[in-house]
C-alpha atoms as a PDB file:
ATOM      1  CA  MET A   1      -0.001  -0.017   0.081  1.00  0.00           C
ATOM      2  CA  ARG A   2       2.819   2.415   0.798  1.00  0.00           C
ATOM      3  CA  VAL A   3       4.423   1.744  -2.498  1.00  0.00           C
ATOM      4  CA  VAL A   4       1.064   2.765  -4.389  1.00  0.00           C
ATOM      5  CA  ALA A   5       0.815   5.809  -2.311  1.00  0.00           C
ATOM      6  CA  ARG A   6       4.380   6.876  -2.990  1.00  0.00           C
ATOM      7  CA  LEU A   7       3.798   6.431  -6.694  1.00  0.00           C
ATOM      8  CA  PHE A   8       0.727   8.620  -6.625  1.00  0.00           C
ATOM      9  CA  ASN A   9       2.603  11.283  -4.673  1.00  0.00           C
ATOM     10  CA  ARG A  10       5.237  11.514  -7.535  1.00  0.00           C
ATOM     11  CA  LEU A  11       2.627  11.340 -10.378  1.00  0.00           C
ATOM     12  CA  PRO A  12       1.814  15.045 -10.482  1.00  0.00           C
ATOM     13  CA  ALA A  13       5.490  15.994 -10.643  1.00  0.00           C
ATOM     14  CA  GLY A  14       6.083  13.529 -13.392  1.00  0.00           C
ATOM     15  CA  VAL A  15       3.091  14.651 -15.452  1.00  0.00           C
ATOM     16  CA  ALA A  16       4.241  18.305 -15.003  1.00  0.00           C
ATOM     17  CA  CYS A  17       7.758  17.370 -16.237  1.00  0.00           C
ATOM     18  CA  VAL A  18       6.323  15.618 -19.334  1.00  0.00           C
ATOM     19  CA  ALA A  19       4.112  18.594 -20.097  1.00  0.00           C
ATOM     20  CA  LEU A  20       6.955  20.927 -19.976  1.00  0.00           C
ATOM     21  CA  LEU A  21       9.189  18.820 -22.124  1.00  0.00           C
ATOM     22  CA  ALA A  22       6.267  18.500 -24.606  1.00  0.00           C
ATOM     23  CA  GLY A  23       5.813  22.245 -24.758  1.00  0.00           C
ATOM     24  CA  CYS A  24       9.581  22.920 -25.314  1.00  0.00           C
ATOM     25  CA  ALA A  25       9.521  20.463 -28.236  1.00  0.00           C
ATOM     26  CA  GLY A  26       7.255  22.602 -30.277  1.00  0.00           C
ATOM     27  CA  MET A  27       9.234  25.797 -29.856  1.00  0.00           C
ATOM     28  CA  GLY A  28      11.639  25.179 -32.957  1.00  0.00           C
ATOM     29  CA  GLY A  29       9.410  26.539 -35.697  1.00  0.00           C
ATOM     30  CA  PRO A  30       9.834  26.357 -39.483  1.00  0.00           C
ATOM     31  CA  PRO A  31      13.288  26.946 -40.864  1.00  0.00           C
ATOM     32  CA  PRO A  32      14.009  30.259 -42.389  1.00  0.00           C
ATOM     33  CA  PRO A  33      13.739  30.628 -46.056  1.00  0.00           C
ATOM     34  CA  THR A  34      16.822  30.946 -48.040  1.00  0.00           C
ATOM     35  CA  LEU A  35      17.727  34.047 -49.966  1.00  0.00           C
ATOM     36  CA  GLU A  36      17.012  32.017 -53.160  1.00  0.00           C
ATOM     37  CA  GLN A  37      13.609  31.249 -51.948  1.00  0.00           C
ATOM     38  CA  VAL A  38      12.949  35.036 -51.121  1.00  0.00           C
ATOM     39  CA  VAL A  39      13.993  35.700 -54.778  1.00  0.00           C
ATOM     40  CA  GLU A  40      11.783  33.046 -56.060  1.00  0.00           C
ATOM     41  CA  MET A  41       8.810  34.233 -54.112  1.00  0.00           C
ATOM     42  CA  SER A  42       9.486  37.750 -55.542  1.00  0.00           C
ATOM     43  CA  ARG A  43       9.709  36.602 -59.052  1.00  0.00           C
ATOM     44  CA  ALA A  44       6.581  34.505 -58.662  1.00  0.00           C
ATOM     45  CA  GLY A  45       4.625  37.804 -57.790  1.00  0.00           C
ATOM     46  CA  THR A  46       4.285  37.127 -54.006  1.00  0.00           C
ATOM     47  CA  PRO A  47       3.430  40.540 -52.432  1.00  0.00           C
ATOM     48  CA  ALA A  48       6.113  42.086 -50.234  1.00  0.00           C
ATOM     49  CA  ASP A  49       3.812  41.966 -47.185  1.00  0.00           C
ATOM     50  CA  GLU A  50       3.531  38.227 -47.529  1.00  0.00           C
ATOM     51  CA  ILE A  51       7.276  37.689 -48.060  1.00  0.00           C
ATOM     52  CA  ILE A  52       7.756  39.785 -44.812  1.00  0.00           C
ATOM     53  CA  ARG A  53       5.243  37.850 -42.874  1.00  0.00           C
ATOM     54  CA  GLU A  54       6.966  34.625 -43.871  1.00  0.00           C
ATOM     55  CA  LEU A  55      10.209  36.072 -42.695  1.00  0.00           C
ATOM     56  CA  GLN A  56       8.604  37.235 -39.448  1.00  0.00           C
ATOM     57  CA  LYS A  57       7.157  33.814 -38.802  1.00  0.00           C
ATOM     58  CA  THR A  58      10.614  32.246 -38.733  1.00  0.00           C
ATOM     59  CA  ARG A  59      12.321  35.150 -36.904  1.00  0.00           C
ATOM     60  CA  ALA A  60      15.077  35.020 -39.520  1.00  0.00           C
ATOM     61  CA  VAL A  61      17.847  37.701 -39.527  1.00  0.00           C
ATOM     62  CA  TYR A  62      20.205  37.921 -42.547  1.00  0.00           C
ATOM     63  CA  ALA A  63      23.472  39.520 -42.152  1.00  0.00           C
ATOM     64  CA  LEU A  64      23.716  40.901 -45.639  1.00  0.00           C
ATOM     65  CA  THR A  65      26.411  43.116 -47.234  1.00  0.00           C
ATOM     66  CA  GLY A  66      25.681  46.040 -49.382  1.00  0.00           C
ATOM     67  CA  SER A  67      26.475  44.065 -52.600  1.00  0.00           C
ATOM     68  CA  GLN A  68      24.206  41.221 -51.585  1.00  0.00           C
ATOM     69  CA  ILE A  69      21.371  43.763 -50.977  1.00  0.00           C
ATOM     70  CA  ALA A  70      22.012  45.202 -54.419  1.00  0.00           C
ATOM     71  CA  ARG A  71      22.096  41.841 -55.999  1.00  0.00           C
ATOM     72  CA  LEU A  72      18.729  40.923 -54.393  1.00  0.00           C
ATOM     73  CA  HIS A  73      17.280  44.153 -55.685  1.00  0.00           C
ATOM     74  CA  ASP A  74      18.651  43.425 -59.262  1.00  0.00           C
ATOM     75  CA  GLN A  75      16.926  39.970 -59.026  1.00  0.00           C
ATOM     76  CA  GLY A  76      13.552  41.524 -58.386  1.00  0.00           C
ATOM     77  CA  VAL A  77      13.154  41.515 -54.513  1.00  0.00           C
ATOM     78  CA  ALA A  78      10.913  44.594 -53.548  1.00  0.00           C
ATOM     79  CA  ASP A  79      12.274  47.496 -51.559  1.00  0.00           C
ATOM     80  CA  PRO A  80      10.013  46.951 -48.594  1.00  0.00           C
ATOM     81  CA  VAL A  81      11.512  43.277 -48.199  1.00  0.00           C
ATOM     82  CA  LEU A  82      15.067  44.549 -48.460  1.00  0.00           C
ATOM     83  CA  ASP A  83      14.290  47.320 -45.953  1.00  0.00           C
ATOM     84  CA  TYR A  84      12.757  44.840 -43.622  1.00  0.00           C
ATOM     85  CA  LEU A  85      15.853  42.559 -43.990  1.00  0.00           C
ATOM     86  CA  GLN A  86      18.196  45.406 -43.088  1.00  0.00           C
ATOM     87  CA  ASP A  87      16.143  46.701 -40.240  1.00  0.00           C
ATOM     88  CA  VAL A  88      15.751  43.357 -38.624  1.00  0.00           C
ATOM     89  CA  TYR A  89      19.526  42.890 -38.661  1.00  0.00           C
ATOM     90  CA  THR A  90      20.171  46.234 -37.166  1.00  0.00           C
ATOM     91  CA  GLU A  91      17.628  45.821 -34.422  1.00  0.00           C
ATOM     92  CA  SER A  92      19.114  42.368 -33.496  1.00  0.00           C
ATOM     93  CA  VAL A  93      22.571  43.871 -33.207  1.00  0.00           C
ATOM     94  CA  ARG A  94      21.078  46.717 -31.020  1.00  0.00           C
ATOM     95  CA  ARG A  95      19.239  44.152 -28.816  1.00  0.00           C
ATOM     96  CA  ASP A  96      22.274  41.896 -28.444  1.00  0.00           C
ATOM     97  CA  THR A  97      24.482  44.810 -27.535  1.00  0.00           C
ATOM     98  CA  ARG A  98      21.886  46.229 -25.047  1.00  0.00           C
ATOM     99  CA  LEU A  99      21.381  42.812 -23.310  1.00  0.00           C
ATOM    100  CA  HIS A 100      25.140  42.177 -23.252  1.00  0.00           C
ATOM    101  CA  TYR A 101      25.909  45.482 -21.377  1.00  0.00           C
ATOM    102  CA  GLU A 102      22.780  45.835 -19.352  1.00  0.00           C
ATOM    103  CA  ASN A 103      22.086  42.255 -18.230  1.00  0.00           C
ATOM    104  CA  THR A 104      25.576  41.069 -17.035  1.00  0.00           C
ATOM    105  CA  PHE A 105      24.768  41.031 -13.374  1.00  0.00           C
ATOM    106  CA  PHE A 106      22.524  38.000 -13.154  1.00  0.00           C
ATOM    107  CA  TRP A 107      23.625  35.781 -16.032  1.00  0.00           C
ATOM    108  CA  PRO A 108      26.631  36.857 -18.125  1.00  0.00           C
ATOM    109  CA  ASP A 109      26.269  35.567 -21.731  1.00  0.00           C
ATOM    110  CA  CYS A 110      23.063  33.756 -20.940  1.00  0.00           C
ATOM    111  CA  PHE A 111      21.876  32.175 -24.249  1.00  0.00           C
ATOM    112  CA  TYR A 112      18.430  31.198 -23.026  1.00  0.00           C
ATOM    113  CA  CYS A 113      17.474  34.373 -21.137  1.00  0.00           C
ATOM    114  CA  TYR A 114      15.710  35.798 -24.155  1.00  0.00           C
ATOM    115  CA  ASN A 115      14.493  34.871 -27.552  1.00  0.00           C
ATOM    116  CA  ARG A 116      17.360  35.431 -29.953  1.00  0.00           C
ATOM    117  CA  PRO A 117      16.717  35.758 -33.599  1.00  0.00           C
ATOM    118  CA  VAL A 118      18.021  33.121 -36.114  1.00  0.00           C
ATOM    119  CA  ILE A 119      20.875  34.838 -37.874  1.00  0.00           C
ATOM    120  CA  VAL A 120      21.378  33.406 -41.442  1.00  0.00           C
ATOM    121  CA  VAL A 121      24.705  34.133 -43.067  1.00  0.00           C
ATOM    122  CA  PRO A 122      24.245  33.720 -46.811  1.00  0.00           C
ATOM    123  CA  LYS A 123      26.959  32.095 -48.824  1.00  0.00           C
END
């Protein structure tokens, strides 16, 4: 009887652990689109707002050089998409810098303390 009682006393903690792990498993999200896919969407006539929404869903951040941005423009990517790509990268650098210098007391270089964007370095 004591064994059964001990088992039921530990059951809520076990269920809570399984629920937490199951919740964490779904946090990955879809992979970010490649720049080639962004160009394909643009050439296919996908509106800029829809491409931006797709990029926002994946929280993708692309570290693009000026020549890469110019090449994307020449390949037909709309200006609002290019502006979004550059603005998101700039904001991610600002956020990382701010968090690095403002939050070093509790957890220096804590990777899991905030939602970092996915930085994609194109080839």
